[in-house]
Amino acid sequence: MIIEMRTGATQEEIDAVVQKVKSFGWNVQLNIGTEKTVVAVLGSNTGQVPTDIFAVLPGVESVKRIMKPYKLASREVKAEDTLVTINGIEIGGRRIVVMAGPCAVESEEQLTEAARAVKDAGASILRGGAFKPRTSPFSFQGLQKVGLELLAKAKAQFNIPVITEVVDSRYVSMVAKVADILQVGSRNMQNFTLLTAVGKSKCPVVLKRGFSCTVTEWLTAADYLLAEGNNRVILCERGIRTFEDSTRFSLDISAIPVIKKFSHLPVIVDPSHAAGHYSLVPAIAKAAVAAGADGLLIEVHPNPEKALVDGLQSLTPANFAKLMEELRLIARSVGRYI
């Protein structure tokens, strides 16, 4: 349920509504907009109470129930686009933010070379996996704590924010000490214990869509983060599993405008995992920008043929620099910039 206050409602009127909601044992989240305040009512049995109880209170303009499974991620709760700022970099505005780097941190030399290359080409954020959840237990699992240390070193050396995946709720605080953005991977989109822990951290988070999940399930998972008071949530479309096997996954390009229509959260795209092959990444990245994505998450490796993880879908520094120039033209054509 959401309670929309009238324009110019006093703080006293807002407080009275909040107290009334809490008298039923429910929680609230306030969305203070430029003109109006919206009170989001959080509880499992809000449907048992008539909306008139709140509609008659002074300062209330309207009361309505949110019928969709997701609540806090919906535009009913917040009509304005959410802007997530990381070290002065705004995600969700006119700028298209590019996050790039190796899928996995393999060595200091590899990460340093990659960081230098992506920053010189215009990427705003360095990506690199310290912990790597893999399908097989015998595959490279990442350098883990050593990988975090290397990310921290690269972050300081190149003065660039970093994004890295957190795979376990026990490691959230440790990863958050280094990462400017926590990434929740596709496999963990519905790991609700992890989502709750990441939400409580208040650290900016990129939530990847599960490869077999609907948009509704994706947005409902985002509610777990938002319910803990973490409003710095970024969605990431990375392709879904379909019958088609000519690419690694099928990029759901339509998810971008769908998210824009039904949610206030920014959405970025990972063309690398969707493509599965470096030659397809540029076209998919350009399509994402044209469709309205707020950013891209691209794998770049200084020597893809020697990569321990996902070398086939990683761009070389030269190819990434070329793509960035092409993306600037696409961005300009839709009234945005990189």
C-alpha atoms as a PDB file:
ATOM      1  CA  MET A   1       0.000   0.000   0.000  1.00  0.00           C
ATOM      2  CA  ILE A   2       1.215   3.518  -0.724  1.00  0.00           C
ATOM      3  CA  ILE A   3      -0.072   6.746   0.764  1.00  0.00           C
ATOM      4  CA  GLU A   4       0.530   9.807  -1.365  1.00  0.00           C
ATOM      5  CA  MET A   5       0.642  13.061   0.547  1.00  0.00           C
ATOM      6  CA  ARG A   6      -0.678  16.309  -0.896  1.00  0.00           C
ATOM      7  CA  THR A   7       1.732  18.859  -2.284  1.00  0.00           C
ATOM      8  CA  GLY A   8       2.770  21.039   0.634  1.00  0.00           C
ATOM      9  CA  ALA A   9       1.790  18.530   3.325  1.00  0.00           C
ATOM     10  CA  THR A  10       3.347  19.508   6.631  1.00  0.00           C
ATOM     11  CA  GLN A  11       5.856  17.413   8.521  1.00  0.00           C
ATOM     12  CA  GLU A  12       3.297  17.094  11.303  1.00  0.00           C
ATOM     13  CA  GLU A  13       0.775  15.574   8.863  1.00  0.00           C
ATOM     14  CA  ILE A  14       3.380  13.175   7.478  1.00  0.00           C
ATOM     15  CA  ASP A  15       4.410  12.115  10.987  1.00  0.00           C
ATOM     16  CA  ALA A  16       0.773  11.483  11.913  1.00  0.00           C
ATOM     17  CA  VAL A  17       0.353   9.161   8.928  1.00  0.00           C
ATOM     18  CA  VAL A  18       3.559   7.307   9.802  1.00  0.00           C
ATOM     19  CA  GLN A  19       2.414   6.828  13.387  1.00  0.00           C
ATOM     20  CA  LYS A  20      -0.961   5.545  12.230  1.00  0.00           C
ATOM     21  CA  VAL A  21       0.720   2.997   9.977  1.00  0.00           C
ATOM     22  CA  LYS A  22       3.043   1.843  12.748  1.00  0.00           C
ATOM     23  CA  SER A  23       0.092   1.407  15.091  1.00  0.00           C
ATOM     24  CA  PHE A  24      -0.852  -1.621  12.960  1.00  0.00           C
ATOM     25  CA  GLY A  25       2.611  -3.111  13.433  1.00  0.00           C
ATOM     26  CA  TRP A  26       3.743  -2.241   9.924  1.00  0.00           C
ATOM     27  CA  ASN A  27       6.927  -0.582   8.740  1.00  0.00           C
ATOM     28  CA  VAL A  28       7.193   2.422   6.458  1.00  0.00           C
ATOM     29  CA  GLN A  29       9.574   3.865   3.931  1.00  0.00           C
ATOM     30  CA  LEU A  30       9.356   7.512   3.005  1.00  0.00           C
ATOM     31  CA  ASN A  31      10.004   8.649  -0.539  1.00  0.00           C
ATOM     32  CA  ILE A  32      10.461  12.391  -0.400  1.00  0.00           C
ATOM     33  CA  GLY A  33      10.101  13.746  -3.929  1.00  0.00           C
ATOM     34  CA  THR A  34      10.603  17.246  -5.256  1.00  0.00           C
ATOM     35  CA  GLU A  35       6.910  18.021  -4.792  1.00  0.00           C
ATOM     36  CA  LYS A  36       5.284  15.239  -2.810  1.00  0.00           C
ATOM     37  CA  THR A  37       6.050  12.683  -0.140  1.00  0.00           C
ATOM     38  CA  VAL A  38       4.963   9.082  -0.615  1.00  0.00           C
ATOM     39  CA  VAL A  39       4.604   6.772   2.374  1.00  0.00           C
ATOM     40  CA  ALA A  40       5.218   3.139   1.424  1.00  0.00           C
ATOM     41  CA  VAL A  41       3.486   0.778   3.860  1.00  0.00           C
ATOM     42  CA  LEU A  42       5.378  -2.489   4.353  1.00  0.00           C
ATOM     43  CA  GLY A  43       3.562  -5.436   5.867  1.00  0.00           C
ATOM     44  CA  SER A  44       2.200  -8.858   5.002  1.00  0.00           C
ATOM     45  CA  ASN A  45      -1.429  -8.181   5.920  1.00  0.00           C
ATOM     46  CA  THR A  46      -2.030  -4.631   4.706  1.00  0.00           C
ATOM     47  CA  GLY A  47      -4.935  -5.862   2.578  1.00  0.00           C
ATOM     48  CA  GLN A  48      -6.965  -6.551   5.720  1.00  0.00           C
ATOM     49  CA  VAL A  49      -7.304  -2.861   6.569  1.00  0.00           C
ATOM     50  CA  PRO A  50      -9.550  -0.506   4.543  1.00  0.00           C
ATOM     51  CA  THR A  51      -7.683   2.282   2.768  1.00  0.00           C
ATOM     52  CA  ASP A  52     -10.212   4.808   4.090  1.00  0.00           C
ATOM     53  CA  ILE A  53      -8.528   4.649   7.489  1.00  0.00           C
ATOM     54  CA  PHE A  54      -5.592   6.532   5.979  1.00  0.00           C
ATOM     55  CA  ALA A  55      -7.425   8.468   3.258  1.00  0.00           C
ATOM     56  CA  VAL A  56      -9.261  10.596   5.840  1.00  0.00           C
ATOM     57  CA  LEU A  57      -6.084  11.753   7.580  1.00  0.00           C
ATOM     58  CA  PRO A  58      -5.055  15.396   7.084  1.00  0.00           C
ATOM     59  CA  GLY A  59      -2.578  15.944   4.249  1.00  0.00           C
ATOM     60  CA  VAL A  60      -3.346  12.657   2.467  1.00  0.00           C
ATOM     61  CA  GLU A  61      -4.140  12.932  -1.243  1.00  0.00           C
ATOM     62  CA  SER A  62      -4.653   9.281  -2.161  1.00  0.00           C
ATOM     63  CA  VAL A  63      -4.195   5.730  -0.932  1.00  0.00           C
ATOM     64  CA  LYS A  64      -3.820   2.730  -3.214  1.00  0.00           C
ATOM     65  CA  ARG A  65      -2.689  -0.839  -3.076  1.00  0.00           C
ATOM     66  CA  ILE A  66       0.168  -2.076  -5.237  1.00  0.00           C
ATOM     67  CA  MET A  67      -1.079  -5.219  -6.910  1.00  0.00           C
ATOM     68  CA  LYS A  68       2.236  -6.229  -8.485  1.00  0.00           C
ATOM     69  CA  PRO A  69       4.421  -8.699  -6.542  1.00  0.00           C
ATOM     70  CA  TYR A  70       7.213  -6.112  -6.402  1.00  0.00           C
ATOM     71  CA  LYS A  71       6.495  -3.000  -4.367  1.00  0.00           C
ATOM     72  CA  LEU A  72       9.441  -0.733  -3.575  1.00  0.00           C
ATOM     73  CA  ALA A  73      10.971  -1.156  -7.033  1.00  0.00           C
ATOM     74  CA  SER A  74       7.759   0.020  -8.699  1.00  0.00           C
ATOM     75  CA  ARG A  75       6.966   3.443 -10.104  1.00  0.00           C
ATOM     76  CA  GLU A  76       3.863   3.555  -7.915  1.00  0.00           C
ATOM     77  CA  VAL A  77       6.167   4.056  -4.947  1.00  0.00           C
ATOM     78  CA  LYS A  78       8.573   6.370  -6.772  1.00  0.00           C
ATOM     79  CA  ALA A  79       7.651   8.001 -10.049  1.00  0.00           C
ATOM     80  CA  GLU A  80      10.997   9.738 -10.533  1.00  0.00           C
ATOM     81  CA  ASP A  81      14.030   7.860 -11.832  1.00  0.00           C
ATOM     82  CA  THR A  82      16.475   6.774  -9.150  1.00  0.00           C
ATOM     83  CA  LEU A  83      19.980   8.149  -9.598  1.00  0.00           C
ATOM     84  CA  VAL A  84      22.811   6.171  -8.010  1.00  0.00           C
ATOM     85  CA  THR A  85      26.008   8.136  -7.437  1.00  0.00           C
ATOM     86  CA  ILE A  86      29.378   6.463  -6.941  1.00  0.00           C
ATOM     87  CA  ASN A  87      32.322   8.774  -6.322  1.00  0.00           C
ATOM     88  CA  GLY A  88      30.659  11.538  -8.302  1.00  0.00           C
ATOM     89  CA  ILE A  89      29.637   9.185 -11.139  1.00  0.00           C
ATOM     90  CA  GLU A  90      25.869   9.289 -11.616  1.00  0.00           C
ATOM     91  CA  ILE A  91      24.117   6.175 -12.918  1.00  0.00           C
ATOM     92  CA  GLY A  92      20.591   6.628 -14.214  1.00  0.00           C
ATOM     93  CA  GLY A  93      20.961  10.108 -15.682  1.00  0.00           C
ATOM     94  CA  ARG A  94      22.036  11.272 -19.134  1.00  0.00           C
ATOM     95  CA  ARG A  95      25.480   9.739 -18.855  1.00  0.00           C
ATOM     96  CA  ILE A  96      25.935   6.130 -19.932  1.00  0.00           C
ATOM     97  CA  VAL A  97      28.380   4.625 -17.460  1.00  0.00           C
ATOM     98  CA  VAL A  98      30.742   1.931 -18.716  1.00  0.00           C
ATOM     99  CA  MET A  99      32.183  -0.601 -16.256  1.00  0.00           C
ATOM    100  CA  ALA A 100      34.943  -2.697 -17.770  1.00  0.00           C
ATOM    101  CA  GLY A 101      37.727  -5.069 -16.882  1.00  0.00           C
ATOM    102  CA  PRO A 102      38.536  -8.767 -16.631  1.00  0.00           C
ATOM    103  CA  CYS A 103      35.947 -11.311 -15.598  1.00  0.00           C
ATOM    104  CA  ALA A 104      38.379 -12.607 -12.977  1.00  0.00           C
ATOM    105  CA  VAL A 105      41.368 -11.037 -11.270  1.00  0.00           C
ATOM    106  CA  GLU A 106      44.256 -13.348 -12.138  1.00  0.00           C
ATOM    107  CA  SER A 107      47.403 -11.436 -11.228  1.00  0.00           C
ATOM    108  CA  GLU A 108      48.612  -7.948 -10.396  1.00  0.00           C
ATOM    109  CA  GLU A 109      50.150  -7.562 -13.852  1.00  0.00           C
ATOM    110  CA  GLN A 110      46.943  -8.600 -15.606  1.00  0.00           C
ATOM    111  CA  LEU A 111      44.713  -6.317 -13.514  1.00  0.00           C
ATOM    112  CA  THR A 112      47.064  -3.347 -13.779  1.00  0.00           C
ATOM    113  CA  GLU A 113      47.238  -3.628 -17.559  1.00  0.00           C
ATOM    114  CA  ALA A 114      43.482  -4.014 -17.837  1.00  0.00           C
ATOM    115  CA  ALA A 115      42.760  -1.098 -15.487  1.00  0.00           C
ATOM    116  CA  ARG A 116      45.065   1.212 -17.404  1.00  0.00           C
ATOM    117  CA  ALA A 117      43.524   0.209 -20.725  1.00  0.00           C
ATOM    118  CA  VAL A 118      39.870   0.588 -19.765  1.00  0.00           C
ATOM    119  CA  LYS A 119      40.403   3.909 -18.015  1.00  0.00           C
ATOM    120  CA  ASP A 120      42.378   5.331 -20.949  1.00  0.00           C
ATOM    121  CA  ALA A 121      39.538   4.271 -23.272  1.00  0.00           C
ATOM    122  CA  GLY A 122      36.947   6.085 -21.146  1.00  0.00           C
ATOM    123  CA  ALA A 123      35.498   3.495 -18.772  1.00  0.00           C
ATOM    124  CA  SER A 124      34.348   5.030 -15.493  1.00  0.00           C
ATOM    125  CA  ILE A 125      34.447   1.938 -13.269  1.00  0.00           C
ATOM    126  CA  LEU A 126      36.813  -1.050 -13.123  1.00  0.00           C
ATOM    127  CA  ARG A 127      35.256  -4.499 -12.956  1.00  0.00           C
ATOM    128  CA  GLY A 128      37.083  -7.590 -11.776  1.00  0.00           C
ATOM    129  CA  GLY A 129      36.003 -10.756 -10.018  1.00  0.00           C
ATOM    130  CA  ALA A 130      37.826 -11.743  -6.836  1.00  0.00           C
ATOM    131  CA  PHE A 131      35.333 -14.485  -5.976  1.00  0.00           C
ATOM    132  CA  LYS A 132      34.060 -16.497  -8.939  1.00  0.00           C
ATOM    133  CA  PRO A 133      31.032 -18.781  -8.512  1.00  0.00           C
ATOM    134  CA  ARG A 134      31.465 -21.481 -11.155  1.00  0.00           C
ATOM    135  CA  THR A 135      29.273 -24.225 -12.506  1.00  0.00           C
ATOM    136  CA  SER A 136      32.006 -26.789 -11.834  1.00  0.00           C
ATOM    137  CA  PRO A 137      33.828 -27.011  -8.482  1.00  0.00           C
ATOM    138  CA  PHE A 138      36.984 -27.830 -10.421  1.00  0.00           C
ATOM    139  CA  SER A 139      37.024 -24.534 -12.343  1.00  0.00           C
ATOM    140  CA  PHE A 140      39.046 -21.502 -11.254  1.00  0.00           C
ATOM    141  CA  GLN A 141      37.218 -19.941  -8.291  1.00  0.00           C
ATOM    142  CA  GLY A 142      39.091 -16.636  -8.241  1.00  0.00           C
ATOM    143  CA  LEU A 143      41.939 -15.342  -6.086  1.00  0.00           C
ATOM    144  CA  GLN A 144      39.406 -14.386  -3.410  1.00  0.00           C
ATOM    145  CA  LYS A 145      41.049 -12.321  -0.621  1.00  0.00           C
ATOM    146  CA  VAL A 146      44.202 -11.840  -2.675  1.00  0.00           C
ATOM    147  CA  GLY A 147      41.995 -10.677  -5.537  1.00  0.00           C
ATOM    148  CA  LEU A 148      40.387  -8.081  -3.283  1.00  0.00           C
ATOM    149  CA  GLU A 149      43.809  -6.815  -2.275  1.00  0.00           C
ATOM    150  CA  LEU A 150      44.781  -6.440  -5.940  1.00  0.00           C
ATOM    151  CA  LEU A 151      41.529  -4.592  -6.680  1.00  0.00           C
ATOM    152  CA  ALA A 152      42.216  -2.216  -3.801  1.00  0.00           C
ATOM    153  CA  LYS A 153      45.684  -1.560  -5.173  1.00  0.00           C
ATOM    154  CA  ALA A 154      44.421  -0.904  -8.703  1.00  0.00           C
ATOM    155  CA  LYS A 155      41.668   1.327  -7.350  1.00  0.00           C
ATOM    156  CA  ALA A 156      44.225   3.504  -5.575  1.00  0.00           C
ATOM    157  CA  GLN A 157      46.757   3.480  -8.401  1.00  0.00           C
ATOM    158  CA  PHE A 158      44.309   4.545 -11.117  1.00  0.00           C
ATOM    159  CA  ASN A 159      41.869   6.494  -8.942  1.00  0.00           C
ATOM    160  CA  ILE A 160      38.935   4.523 -10.324  1.00  0.00           C
ATOM    161  CA  PRO A 161      35.955   2.950  -8.490  1.00  0.00           C
ATOM    162  CA  VAL A 162      35.661  -0.827  -8.617  1.00  0.00           C
ATOM    163  CA  ILE A 163      32.817  -3.318  -8.868  1.00  0.00           C
ATOM    164  CA  THR A 164      33.225  -6.925  -7.825  1.00  0.00           C
ATOM    165  CA  GLU A 165      30.918  -9.814  -7.034  1.00  0.00           C
ATOM    166  CA  VAL A 166      29.994 -10.932  -3.539  1.00  0.00           C
ATOM    167  CA  VAL A 167      28.927 -14.564  -3.375  1.00  0.00           C
ATOM    168  CA  ASP A 168      28.258 -15.186   0.296  1.00  0.00           C
ATOM    169  CA  SER A 169      26.491 -13.183   2.996  1.00  0.00           C
ATOM    170  CA  ARG A 170      29.442 -13.828   5.324  1.00  0.00           C
ATOM    171  CA  TYR A 171      31.762 -11.889   3.001  1.00  0.00           C
ATOM    172  CA  VAL A 172      29.640  -8.771   2.442  1.00  0.00           C
ATOM    173  CA  SER A 173      31.450  -6.533   4.915  1.00  0.00           C
ATOM    174  CA  MET A 174      34.863  -7.727   3.730  1.00  0.00           C
ATOM    175  CA  VAL A 175      34.094  -7.101   0.057  1.00  0.00           C
ATOM    176  CA  ALA A 176      32.390  -3.773   0.815  1.00  0.00           C
ATOM    177  CA  LYS A 177      35.620  -2.460   2.340  1.00  0.00           C
ATOM    178  CA  VAL A 178      37.172  -2.572  -1.142  1.00  0.00           C
ATOM    179  CA  ALA A 179      34.314  -2.446  -3.628  1.00  0.00           C
ATOM    180  CA  ASP A 180      32.479   0.756  -4.495  1.00  0.00           C
ATOM    181  CA  ILE A 181      29.715  -1.407  -5.993  1.00  0.00           C
ATOM    182  CA  LEU A 182      28.773  -4.904  -4.899  1.00  0.00           C
ATOM    183  CA  GLN A 183      27.646  -7.208  -7.684  1.00  0.00           C
ATOM    184  CA  VAL A 184      25.076  -9.925  -7.043  1.00  0.00           C
ATOM    185  CA  GLY A 185      25.458 -12.425  -9.838  1.00  0.00           C
ATOM    186  CA  SER A 186      22.813 -14.211 -11.863  1.00  0.00           C
ATOM    187  CA  ARG A 187      23.117 -17.397  -9.829  1.00  0.00           C
ATOM    188  CA  ASN A 188      22.480 -15.479  -6.612  1.00  0.00           C
ATOM    189  CA  MET A 189      19.604 -13.266  -7.744  1.00  0.00           C
ATOM    190  CA  GLN A 190      17.244 -15.234  -5.505  1.00  0.00           C
ATOM    191  CA  ASN A 191      19.706 -15.892  -2.688  1.00  0.00           C
ATOM    192  CA  PHE A 192      17.546 -13.951  -0.246  1.00  0.00           C
ATOM    193  CA  THR A 193      19.956 -14.258   2.681  1.00  0.00           C
ATOM    194  CA  LEU A 194      22.661 -12.644   0.551  1.00  0.00           C
ATOM    195  CA  LEU A 195      20.275  -9.965  -0.752  1.00  0.00           C
ATOM    196  CA  THR A 196      19.252  -9.040   2.786  1.00  0.00           C
ATOM    197  CA  ALA A 197      22.882  -8.762   3.895  1.00  0.00           C
ATOM    198  CA  VAL A 198      23.800  -6.632   0.873  1.00  0.00           C
ATOM    199  CA  GLY A 199      20.749  -4.462   1.503  1.00  0.00           C
ATOM    200  CA  LYS A 200      21.808  -3.856   5.088  1.00  0.00           C
ATOM    201  CA  SER A 201      25.312  -2.865   3.934  1.00  0.00           C
ATOM    202  CA  LYS A 202      23.838   0.218   2.164  1.00  0.00           C
ATOM    203  CA  CYS A 203      26.607  -0.222  -0.418  1.00  0.00           C
ATOM    204  CA  PRO A 204      25.660   0.436  -4.060  1.00  0.00           C
ATOM    205  CA  VAL A 205      24.713  -2.851  -5.700  1.00  0.00           C
ATOM    206  CA  VAL A 206      24.308  -4.220  -9.213  1.00  0.00           C
ATOM    207  CA  LEU A 207      21.679  -6.963  -9.241  1.00  0.00           C
ATOM    208  CA  LYS A 208      22.006  -9.243 -12.248  1.00  0.00           C
ATOM    209  CA  ARG A 209      18.924 -10.910 -13.657  1.00  0.00           C
ATOM    210  CA  GLY A 210      18.771 -14.649 -13.081  1.00  0.00           C
ATOM    211  CA  PHE A 211      19.201 -16.476 -16.371  1.00  0.00           C
ATOM    212  CA  SER A 212      15.869 -18.251 -15.928  1.00  0.00           C
ATOM    213  CA  CYS A 213      13.939 -15.469 -14.204  1.00  0.00           C
ATOM    214  CA  THR A 214      11.185 -13.164 -15.366  1.00  0.00           C
ATOM    215  CA  VAL A 215      11.337  -9.379 -15.076  1.00  0.00           C
ATOM    216  CA  THR A 216       8.772  -9.575 -12.285  1.00  0.00           C
ATOM    217  CA  GLU A 217      10.926 -12.030 -10.311  1.00  0.00           C
ATOM    218  CA  TRP A 218      13.939  -9.779 -10.907  1.00  0.00           C
ATOM    219  CA  LEU A 219      12.171  -6.691  -9.568  1.00  0.00           C
ATOM    220  CA  THR A 220      10.802  -8.634  -6.623  1.00  0.00           C
ATOM    221  CA  ALA A 221      14.365  -9.681  -5.773  1.00  0.00           C
ATOM    222  CA  ALA A 222      15.334  -5.995  -5.898  1.00  0.00           C
ATOM    223  CA  ASP A 223      12.690  -5.370  -3.237  1.00  0.00           C
ATOM    224  CA  TYR A 224      14.797  -7.428  -0.809  1.00  0.00           C
ATOM    225  CA  LEU A 225      17.581  -4.858  -1.178  1.00  0.00           C
ATOM    226  CA  LEU A 226      15.256  -1.867  -1.047  1.00  0.00           C
ATOM    227  CA  ALA A 227      13.385  -3.208   1.982  1.00  0.00           C
ATOM    228  CA  GLU A 228      16.594  -2.980   4.001  1.00  0.00           C
ATOM    229  CA  GLY A 229      16.860   0.725   3.221  1.00  0.00           C
ATOM    230  CA  ASN A 230      19.423   0.383   0.446  1.00  0.00           C
ATOM    231  CA  ASN A 231      18.162   2.702  -2.286  1.00  0.00           C
ATOM    232  CA  ARG A 232      21.347   2.478  -4.378  1.00  0.00           C
ATOM    233  CA  VAL A 233      20.227  -0.457  -6.507  1.00  0.00           C
ATOM    234  CA  ILE A 234      21.167  -0.912 -10.176  1.00  0.00           C
ATOM    235  CA  LEU A 235      19.650  -3.678 -12.295  1.00  0.00           C
ATOM    236  CA  CYS A 236      21.701  -5.591 -14.877  1.00  0.00           C
ATOM    237  CA  GLU A 237      20.278  -7.511 -17.836  1.00  0.00           C
ATOM    238  CA  ARG A 238      22.785 -10.188 -18.889  1.00  0.00           C
ATOM    239  CA  GLY A 239      20.772 -12.517 -21.087  1.00  0.00           C
ATOM    240  CA  ILE A 240      18.378 -15.323 -20.298  1.00  0.00           C
ATOM    241  CA  ARG A 241      18.374 -19.016 -21.152  1.00  0.00           C
ATOM    242  CA  THR A 242      16.190 -19.898 -24.126  1.00  0.00           C
ATOM    243  CA  PHE A 243      16.091 -22.647 -26.758  1.00  0.00           C
ATOM    244  CA  GLU A 244      18.535 -20.590 -28.861  1.00  0.00           C
ATOM    245  CA  ASP A 245      22.137 -21.797 -28.678  1.00  0.00           C
ATOM    246  CA  SER A 246      23.900 -19.578 -31.212  1.00  0.00           C
ATOM    247  CA  THR A 247      24.818 -17.208 -28.368  1.00  0.00           C
ATOM    248  CA  ARG A 248      25.698 -18.014 -24.785  1.00  0.00           C
ATOM    249  CA  PHE A 249      22.422 -16.463 -23.585  1.00  0.00           C
ATOM    250  CA  SER A 250      19.633 -14.546 -25.306  1.00  0.00           C
ATOM    251  CA  LEU A 251      19.874 -10.872 -24.445  1.00  0.00           C
ATOM    252  CA  ASP A 252      16.388  -9.622 -23.605  1.00  0.00           C
ATOM    253  CA  ILE A 253      16.723  -6.156 -25.121  1.00  0.00           C
ATOM    254  CA  SER A 254      13.024  -5.532 -24.435  1.00  0.00           C
ATOM    255  CA  ALA A 255      13.740  -5.771 -20.709  1.00  0.00           C
ATOM    256  CA  ILE A 256      15.318  -2.307 -20.853  1.00  0.00           C
ATOM    257  CA  PRO A 257      12.177  -0.361 -21.858  1.00  0.00           C
ATOM    258  CA  VAL A 258      10.039  -2.668 -19.707  1.00  0.00           C
ATOM    259  CA  ILE A 259      12.134  -1.809 -16.642  1.00  0.00           C
ATOM    260  CA  LYS A 260      11.988   1.873 -17.552  1.00  0.00           C
ATOM    261  CA  LYS A 261       8.201   1.667 -17.730  1.00  0.00           C
ATOM    262  CA  PHE A 262       7.509  -0.217 -14.516  1.00  0.00           C
ATOM    263  CA  SER A 263      10.469   0.619 -12.252  1.00  0.00           C
ATOM    264  CA  HIS A 264      12.386   3.690 -11.166  1.00  0.00           C
ATOM    265  CA  LEU A 265      15.662   1.787 -10.859  1.00  0.00           C
ATOM    266  CA  PRO A 266      18.508   2.304 -13.359  1.00  0.00           C
ATOM    267  CA  VAL A 267      19.314  -0.633 -15.627  1.00  0.00           C
ATOM    268  CA  ILE A 268      22.596  -1.576 -17.281  1.00  0.00           C
ATOM    269  CA  VAL A 269      23.485  -4.398 -19.682  1.00  0.00           C
ATOM    270  CA  ASP A 270      26.229  -7.028 -19.703  1.00  0.00           C
ATOM    271  CA  PRO A 271      26.754  -7.798 -23.416  1.00  0.00           C
ATOM    272  CA  SER A 272      29.713 -10.083 -22.741  1.00  0.00           C
ATOM    273  CA  HIS A 273      27.808 -12.852 -20.940  1.00  0.00           C
ATOM    274  CA  ALA A 274      24.913 -12.607 -23.349  1.00  0.00           C
ATOM    275  CA  ALA A 275      27.142 -12.902 -26.420  1.00  0.00           C
ATOM    276  CA  GLY A 276      29.586 -15.529 -25.271  1.00  0.00           C
ATOM    277  CA  HIS A 277      31.890 -14.473 -28.112  1.00  0.00           C
ATOM    278  CA  TYR A 278      33.911 -11.274 -28.388  1.00  0.00           C
ATOM    279  CA  SER A 279      32.872 -10.659 -31.993  1.00  0.00           C
ATOM    280  CA  LEU A 280      29.223 -10.243 -30.958  1.00  0.00           C
ATOM    281  CA  VAL A 281      29.800  -7.943 -27.994  1.00  0.00           C
ATOM    282  CA  PRO A 282      30.026  -4.615 -29.909  1.00  0.00           C
ATOM    283  CA  ALA A 283      26.693  -5.029 -31.714  1.00  0.00           C
ATOM    284  CA  ILE A 284      24.874  -6.033 -28.528  1.00  0.00           C
ATOM    285  CA  ALA A 285      26.445  -3.171 -26.573  1.00  0.00           C
ATOM    286  CA  LYS A 286      25.340  -0.655 -29.203  1.00  0.00           C
ATOM    287  CA  ALA A 287      21.819  -2.067 -29.231  1.00  0.00           C
ATOM    288  CA  ALA A 288      21.645  -1.733 -25.438  1.00  0.00           C
ATOM    289  CA  VAL A 289      22.659   1.924 -25.572  1.00  0.00           C
ATOM    290  CA  ALA A 290      20.138   2.625 -28.331  1.00  0.00           C
ATOM    291  CA  ALA A 291      17.403   0.887 -26.300  1.00  0.00           C
ATOM    292  CA  GLY A 292      17.977   3.128 -23.293  1.00  0.00           C
ATOM    293  CA  ALA A 293      20.416   1.279 -21.021  1.00  0.00           C
ATOM    294  CA  ASP A 294      22.027   3.449 -18.356  1.00  0.00           C
ATOM    295  CA  GLY A 295      25.341   1.658 -18.573  1.00  0.00           C
ATOM    296  CA  LEU A 296      27.329  -1.354 -19.739  1.00  0.00           C
ATOM    297  CA  LEU A 297      29.338  -4.036 -17.965  1.00  0.00           C
ATOM    298  CA  ILE A 298      31.978  -5.267 -20.417  1.00  0.00           C
ATOM    299  CA  GLU A 299      34.713  -7.868 -20.058  1.00  0.00           C
ATOM    300  CA  VAL A 300      38.157  -6.705 -21.170  1.00  0.00           C
ATOM    301  CA  HIS A 301      41.330  -8.779 -20.820  1.00  0.00           C
ATOM    302  CA  PRO A 302      44.862  -7.811 -21.931  1.00  0.00           C
ATOM    303  CA  ASN A 303      45.426 -11.332 -23.253  1.00  0.00           C
ATOM    304  CA  PRO A 304      42.069 -13.083 -23.782  1.00  0.00           C
ATOM    305  CA  GLU A 305      43.701 -16.204 -25.183  1.00  0.00           C
ATOM    306  CA  LYS A 306      45.398 -16.717 -21.796  1.00  0.00           C
ATOM    307  CA  ALA A 307      42.385 -15.819 -19.624  1.00  0.00           C
ATOM    308  CA  LEU A 308      41.477 -18.288 -16.895  1.00  0.00           C
ATOM    309  CA  VAL A 309      37.791 -17.344 -17.195  1.00  0.00           C
ATOM    310  CA  ASP A 310      35.648 -16.285 -20.172  1.00  0.00           C
ATOM    311  CA  GLY A 311      38.478 -15.446 -22.531  1.00  0.00           C
ATOM    312  CA  LEU A 312      36.299 -16.098 -25.585  1.00  0.00           C
ATOM    313  CA  GLN A 313      33.887 -13.308 -24.685  1.00  0.00           C
ATOM    314  CA  SER A 314      36.507 -10.789 -23.555  1.00  0.00           C
ATOM    315  CA  LEU A 315      37.549  -7.836 -25.683  1.00  0.00           C
ATOM    316  CA  THR A 316      41.185  -6.882 -26.132  1.00  0.00           C
ATOM    317  CA  PRO A 317      42.136  -3.346 -25.017  1.00  0.00           C
ATOM    318  CA  ALA A 318      42.341  -2.263 -28.670  1.00  0.00           C
ATOM    319  CA  ASN A 319      38.887  -3.625 -29.492  1.00  0.00           C
ATOM    320  CA  PHE A 320      37.443  -2.049 -26.362  1.00  0.00           C
ATOM    321  CA  ALA A 321      38.883   1.368 -27.258  1.00  0.00           C
ATOM    322  CA  LYS A 322      37.364   1.054 -30.735  1.00  0.00           C
ATOM    323  CA  LEU A 323      33.987   0.094 -29.265  1.00  0.00           C
ATOM    324  CA  MET A 324      34.022   3.069 -26.894  1.00  0.00           C
ATOM    325  CA  GLU A 325      34.410   5.441 -29.842  1.00  0.00           C
ATOM    326  CA  GLU A 326      31.493   3.807 -31.616  1.00  0.00           C
ATOM    327  CA  LEU A 327      29.361   3.878 -28.460  1.00  0.00           C
ATOM    328  CA  ARG A 328      29.890   7.622 -28.124  1.00  0.00           C
ATOM    329  CA  LEU A 329      28.247   8.110 -31.509  1.00  0.00           C
ATOM    330  CA  ILE A 330      25.278   5.926 -30.545  1.00  0.00           C
ATOM    331  CA  ALA A 331      24.907   7.711 -27.218  1.00  0.00           C
ATOM    332  CA  ARG A 332      24.934  11.106 -28.899  1.00  0.00           C
ATOM    333  CA  SER A 333      22.218  10.002 -31.314  1.00  0.00           C
ATOM    334  CA  VAL A 334      19.841   9.265 -28.411  1.00  0.00           C
ATOM    335  CA  GLY A 335      20.652  12.446 -26.509  1.00  0.00           C
ATOM    336  CA  ARG A 336      23.122  10.966 -24.043  1.00  0.00           C
ATOM    337  CA  TYR A 337      26.878  10.786 -23.598  1.00  0.00           C
ATOM    338  CA  ILE A 338      29.644   8.521 -22.293  1.00  0.00           C
END
